[in-house]
Amino acid sequence: MSMKDSHKLFLQSFMSRGLLDAKEVRQLYRTCCLKFNEKYAEKEEDQKAHLLEFVRTINRNIQPFHMEIKKGVSEEEGKSFYCL
């Protein structure tokens, strides 16, 4: 699947920051969906599934450039972070 404008904005924002915590990723995802009138689920569980598919779409498109958005967990705080 090719990337829509919402995916491109998400990726551009991610590239400018490099590292985001889980809360920032969810907020960025919400902002991108609302800006381009994309489907955005209100239930938290649905949001997680949609966000996962959203990131998978981006990863499939940036994989030829040896790039990937990955999730990691801080050993000290146990907090989730995402990086490019």
N, C-alpha and C. Protein backbone atom coordinates (compact mmCIF):
# COMPACT_ATOMS: atom_id res chain seq x y z
N MET A 1 0.84 -1.17 0.00
CA MET A 1 0.00 0.00 0.00
C MET A 1 0.89 1.25 0.00
N SER A 2 0.55 2.18 -0.83
CA SER A 2 1.34 3.41 -0.87
C SER A 2 0.93 4.34 0.27
N MET A 3 1.81 5.25 0.57
CA MET A 3 1.56 6.16 1.69
C MET A 3 0.64 7.30 1.26
N LYS A 4 -0.26 7.64 2.16
CA LYS A 4 -1.14 8.79 1.98
C LYS A 4 -0.44 10.01 2.59
N ASP A 5 -1.06 11.16 2.42
CA ASP A 5 -0.48 12.39 2.98
C ASP A 5 -0.33 12.31 4.50
N SER A 6 -1.26 11.61 5.16
CA SER A 6 -1.16 11.47 6.62
C SER A 6 0.09 10.68 7.01
N HIS A 7 0.42 9.64 6.24
CA HIS A 7 1.64 8.87 6.49
C HIS A 7 2.88 9.73 6.28
N LYS A 8 2.84 10.52 5.21
CA LYS A 8 4.00 11.36 4.89
C LYS A 8 4.25 12.42 5.96
N LEU A 9 3.18 13.03 6.45
CA LEU A 9 3.32 14.02 7.52
C LEU A 9 3.86 13.37 8.79
N PHE A 10 3.35 12.20 9.11
CA PHE A 10 3.81 11.46 10.29
C PHE A 10 5.30 11.17 10.17
N LEU A 11 5.71 10.67 9.01
CA LEU A 11 7.12 10.34 8.79
C LEU A 11 8.01 11.58 8.83
N GLN A 12 7.58 12.65 8.20
CA GLN A 12 8.36 13.89 8.22
C GLN A 12 8.52 14.41 9.64
N SER A 13 7.45 14.38 10.41
CA SER A 13 7.51 14.83 11.80
C SER A 13 8.43 13.93 12.61
N PHE A 14 8.34 12.64 12.35
CA PHE A 14 9.18 11.67 13.05
C PHE A 14 10.65 11.90 12.72
N MET A 15 10.94 12.15 11.45
CA MET A 15 12.33 12.36 11.02
C MET A 15 12.93 13.61 11.66
N SER A 16 12.11 14.62 11.87
CA SER A 16 12.63 15.85 12.46
C SER A 16 12.92 15.69 13.95
N ARG A 17 12.30 14.72 14.59
CA ARG A 17 12.49 14.52 16.03
C ARG A 17 13.38 13.33 16.34
N GLY A 18 13.27 12.26 15.57
CA GLY A 18 14.11 11.09 15.76
C GLY A 18 13.67 10.12 16.84
N LEU A 19 13.27 10.64 17.99
CA LEU A 19 12.87 9.79 19.11
C LEU A 19 11.63 10.39 19.76
N LEU A 20 10.61 9.56 19.92
CA LEU A 20 9.37 10.01 20.56
C LEU A 20 8.92 8.97 21.57
N ASP A 21 8.29 9.42 22.64
CA ASP A 21 7.73 8.44 23.57
C ASP A 21 6.35 8.02 23.04
N ALA A 22 5.78 6.99 23.64
CA ALA A 22 4.52 6.42 23.15
C ALA A 22 3.39 7.45 23.12
N LYS A 23 3.34 8.31 24.11
CA LYS A 23 2.29 9.33 24.16
C LYS A 23 2.42 10.30 23.00
N GLU A 24 3.64 10.71 22.70
CA GLU A 24 3.88 11.63 21.58
C GLU A 24 3.53 10.99 20.24
N VAL A 25 3.80 9.70 20.10
CA VAL A 25 3.47 8.98 18.87
C VAL A 25 1.96 8.94 18.68
N ARG A 26 1.23 8.64 19.74
CA ARG A 26 -0.24 8.60 19.66
C ARG A 26 -0.80 9.98 19.32
N GLN A 27 -0.24 11.02 19.91
CA GLN A 27 -0.70 12.38 19.61
C GLN A 27 -0.40 12.77 18.17
N LEU A 28 0.79 12.42 17.70
CA LEU A 28 1.17 12.71 16.32
C LEU A 28 0.26 11.96 15.35
N TYR A 29 0.00 10.70 15.64
CA TYR A 29 -0.89 9.89 14.81
C TYR A 29 -2.28 10.52 14.74
N ARG A 30 -2.81 10.93 15.88
CA ARG A 30 -4.13 11.56 15.94
C ARG A 30 -4.14 12.85 15.11
N THR A 31 -3.13 13.67 15.28
CA THR A 31 -3.03 14.94 14.55
C THR A 31 -3.00 14.70 13.04
N CYS A 32 -2.23 13.73 12.59
CA CYS A 32 -2.12 13.43 11.17
C CYS A 32 -3.45 12.91 10.61
N CYS A 33 -4.12 12.06 11.35
CA CYS A 33 -5.41 11.53 10.90
C CYS A 33 -6.45 12.64 10.79
N LEU A 34 -6.53 13.47 11.81
CA LEU A 34 -7.54 14.53 11.82
C LEU A 34 -7.26 15.59 10.75
N LYS A 35 -6.00 15.88 10.52
CA LYS A 35 -5.63 16.89 9.51
C LYS A 35 -6.08 16.49 8.11
N PHE A 36 -5.99 15.20 7.81
CA PHE A 36 -6.34 14.71 6.48
C PHE A 36 -7.65 13.93 6.45
N ASN A 37 -8.48 14.11 7.46
CA ASN A 37 -9.80 13.47 7.55
C ASN A 37 -9.73 11.95 7.38
N GLU A 38 -8.71 11.36 7.99
CA GLU A 38 -8.54 9.90 7.97
C GLU A 38 -9.35 9.30 9.12
N LYS A 39 -9.64 8.03 8.99
CA LYS A 39 -10.36 7.31 10.04
C LYS A 39 -9.51 7.30 11.32
N TYR A 40 -10.13 7.71 12.41
CA TYR A 40 -9.44 7.70 13.71
C TYR A 40 -10.38 7.10 14.74
N ALA A 41 -9.99 6.00 15.33
CA ALA A 41 -10.83 5.30 16.30
C ALA A 41 -10.79 6.00 17.66
N GLU A 42 -11.90 6.04 18.31
CA GLU A 42 -11.99 6.66 19.63
C GLU A 42 -11.60 5.69 20.75
N LYS A 43 -11.86 4.40 20.54
CA LYS A 43 -11.52 3.40 21.56
C LYS A 43 -10.02 3.14 21.54
N GLU A 44 -9.43 3.06 22.72
CA GLU A 44 -7.98 2.90 22.83
C GLU A 44 -7.49 1.63 22.15
N GLU A 45 -8.22 0.55 22.31
CA GLU A 45 -7.79 -0.72 21.71
C GLU A 45 -7.82 -0.64 20.18
N ASP A 46 -8.83 0.01 19.63
CA ASP A 46 -8.91 0.19 18.18
C ASP A 46 -7.79 1.12 17.70
N GLN A 47 -7.49 2.12 18.49
CA GLN A 47 -6.41 3.06 18.14
C GLN A 47 -5.09 2.32 17.99
N LYS A 48 -4.81 1.42 18.92
CA LYS A 48 -3.56 0.67 18.88
C LYS A 48 -3.44 -0.14 17.60
N ALA A 49 -4.53 -0.80 17.22
CA ALA A 49 -4.52 -1.62 16.00
C ALA A 49 -4.34 -0.75 14.77
N HIS A 50 -5.02 0.38 14.72
CA HIS A 50 -4.91 1.28 13.58
C HIS A 50 -3.51 1.89 13.50
N LEU A 51 -2.96 2.28 14.65
CA LEU A 51 -1.61 2.85 14.68
C LEU A 51 -0.59 1.82 14.22
N LEU A 52 -0.75 0.60 14.66
CA LEU A 52 0.17 -0.47 14.25
C LEU A 52 0.15 -0.64 12.73
N GLU A 53 -1.02 -0.69 12.14
CA GLU A 53 -1.12 -0.83 10.69
C GLU A 53 -0.59 0.42 9.97
N PHE A 54 -0.83 1.58 10.55
CA PHE A 54 -0.34 2.85 10.01
C PHE A 54 1.19 2.84 9.93
N VAL A 55 1.84 2.41 11.01
CA VAL A 55 3.31 2.35 11.06
C VAL A 55 3.84 1.25 10.14
N ARG A 56 3.12 0.14 10.04
CA ARG A 56 3.54 -0.93 9.13
C ARG A 56 3.56 -0.44 7.68
N THR A 57 2.55 0.35 7.32
CA THR A 57 2.49 0.90 5.97
C THR A 57 3.70 1.79 5.71
N ILE A 58 4.03 2.62 6.67
CA ILE A 58 5.20 3.49 6.53
C ILE A 58 6.47 2.64 6.42
N ASN A 59 6.60 1.66 7.30
CA ASN A 59 7.80 0.82 7.29
C ASN A 59 7.98 0.07 5.97
N ARG A 60 6.88 -0.41 5.38
CA ARG A 60 6.98 -1.09 4.09
C ARG A 60 7.52 -0.14 3.01
N ASN A 61 7.16 1.11 3.11
CA ASN A 61 7.57 2.09 2.09
C ASN A 61 8.97 2.64 2.31
N ILE A 62 9.47 2.62 3.53
CA ILE A 62 10.81 3.15 3.78
C ILE A 62 11.86 2.04 3.90
N GLN A 63 11.42 0.80 3.89
CA GLN A 63 12.34 -0.34 4.00
C GLN A 63 13.40 -0.34 2.91
N PRO A 64 13.08 0.01 1.64
CA PRO A 64 14.13 0.03 0.61
C PRO A 64 15.27 1.00 0.92
N PHE A 65 15.04 1.94 1.82
CA PHE A 65 16.07 2.91 2.21
C PHE A 65 16.77 2.49 3.51
N HIS A 66 16.54 1.23 3.91
CA HIS A 66 17.13 0.66 5.12
C HIS A 66 16.75 1.48 6.35
N MET A 67 15.49 1.87 6.40
CA MET A 67 14.95 2.63 7.53
C MET A 67 13.75 1.88 8.09
N GLU A 68 13.46 2.13 9.37
CA GLU A 68 12.32 1.49 10.01
C GLU A 68 11.99 2.25 11.29
N ILE A 69 10.71 2.36 11.57
CA ILE A 69 10.28 2.90 12.86
C ILE A 69 10.18 1.71 13.80
N LYS A 70 10.89 1.79 14.91
CA LYS A 70 10.93 0.69 15.87
C LYS A 70 10.56 1.17 17.26
N LYS A 71 10.00 0.25 18.02
CA LYS A 71 9.62 0.51 19.40
C LYS A 71 10.65 -0.12 20.32
N GLY A 72 10.99 0.61 21.38
CA GLY A 72 11.90 0.10 22.39
C GLY A 72 11.39 0.49 23.76
N VAL A 73 11.91 -0.18 24.77
CA VAL A 73 11.50 0.10 26.14
C VAL A 73 12.73 0.49 26.96
N SER A 74 12.62 1.59 27.68
CA SER A 74 13.70 2.06 28.53
C SER A 74 13.91 1.07 29.67
N GLU A 75 15.15 0.66 29.87
CA GLU A 75 15.45 -0.29 30.95
C GLU A 75 15.30 0.37 32.32
N GLU A 76 15.55 1.66 32.40
CA GLU A 76 15.49 2.36 33.68
C GLU A 76 14.07 2.68 34.10
N GLU A 77 13.27 3.20 33.16
CA GLU A 77 11.93 3.67 33.49
C GLU A 77 10.83 2.69 33.09
N GLY A 78 11.12 1.82 32.14
CA GLY A 78 10.10 0.90 31.61
C GLY A 78 9.16 1.61 30.64
N LYS A 79 9.53 2.80 30.22
CA LYS A 79 8.73 3.62 29.33
C LYS A 79 8.99 3.24 27.87
N SER A 80 7.93 3.25 27.04
CA SER A 80 8.07 2.91 25.62
C SER A 80 8.49 4.13 24.82
N PHE A 81 9.41 3.90 23.88
CA PHE A 81 9.89 4.93 22.98
C PHE A 81 9.88 4.37 21.56
N TYR A 82 9.76 5.26 20.61
CA TYR A 82 9.82 4.90 19.19
C TYR A 82 10.94 5.69 18.55
N CYS A 83 11.68 5.06 17.67
CA CYS A 83 12.76 5.76 16.98
C CYS A 83 12.77 5.37 15.51
N LEU A 84 13.43 6.18 14.73
CA LEU A 84 13.54 5.93 13.30
C LEU A 84 14.96 5.49 13.01
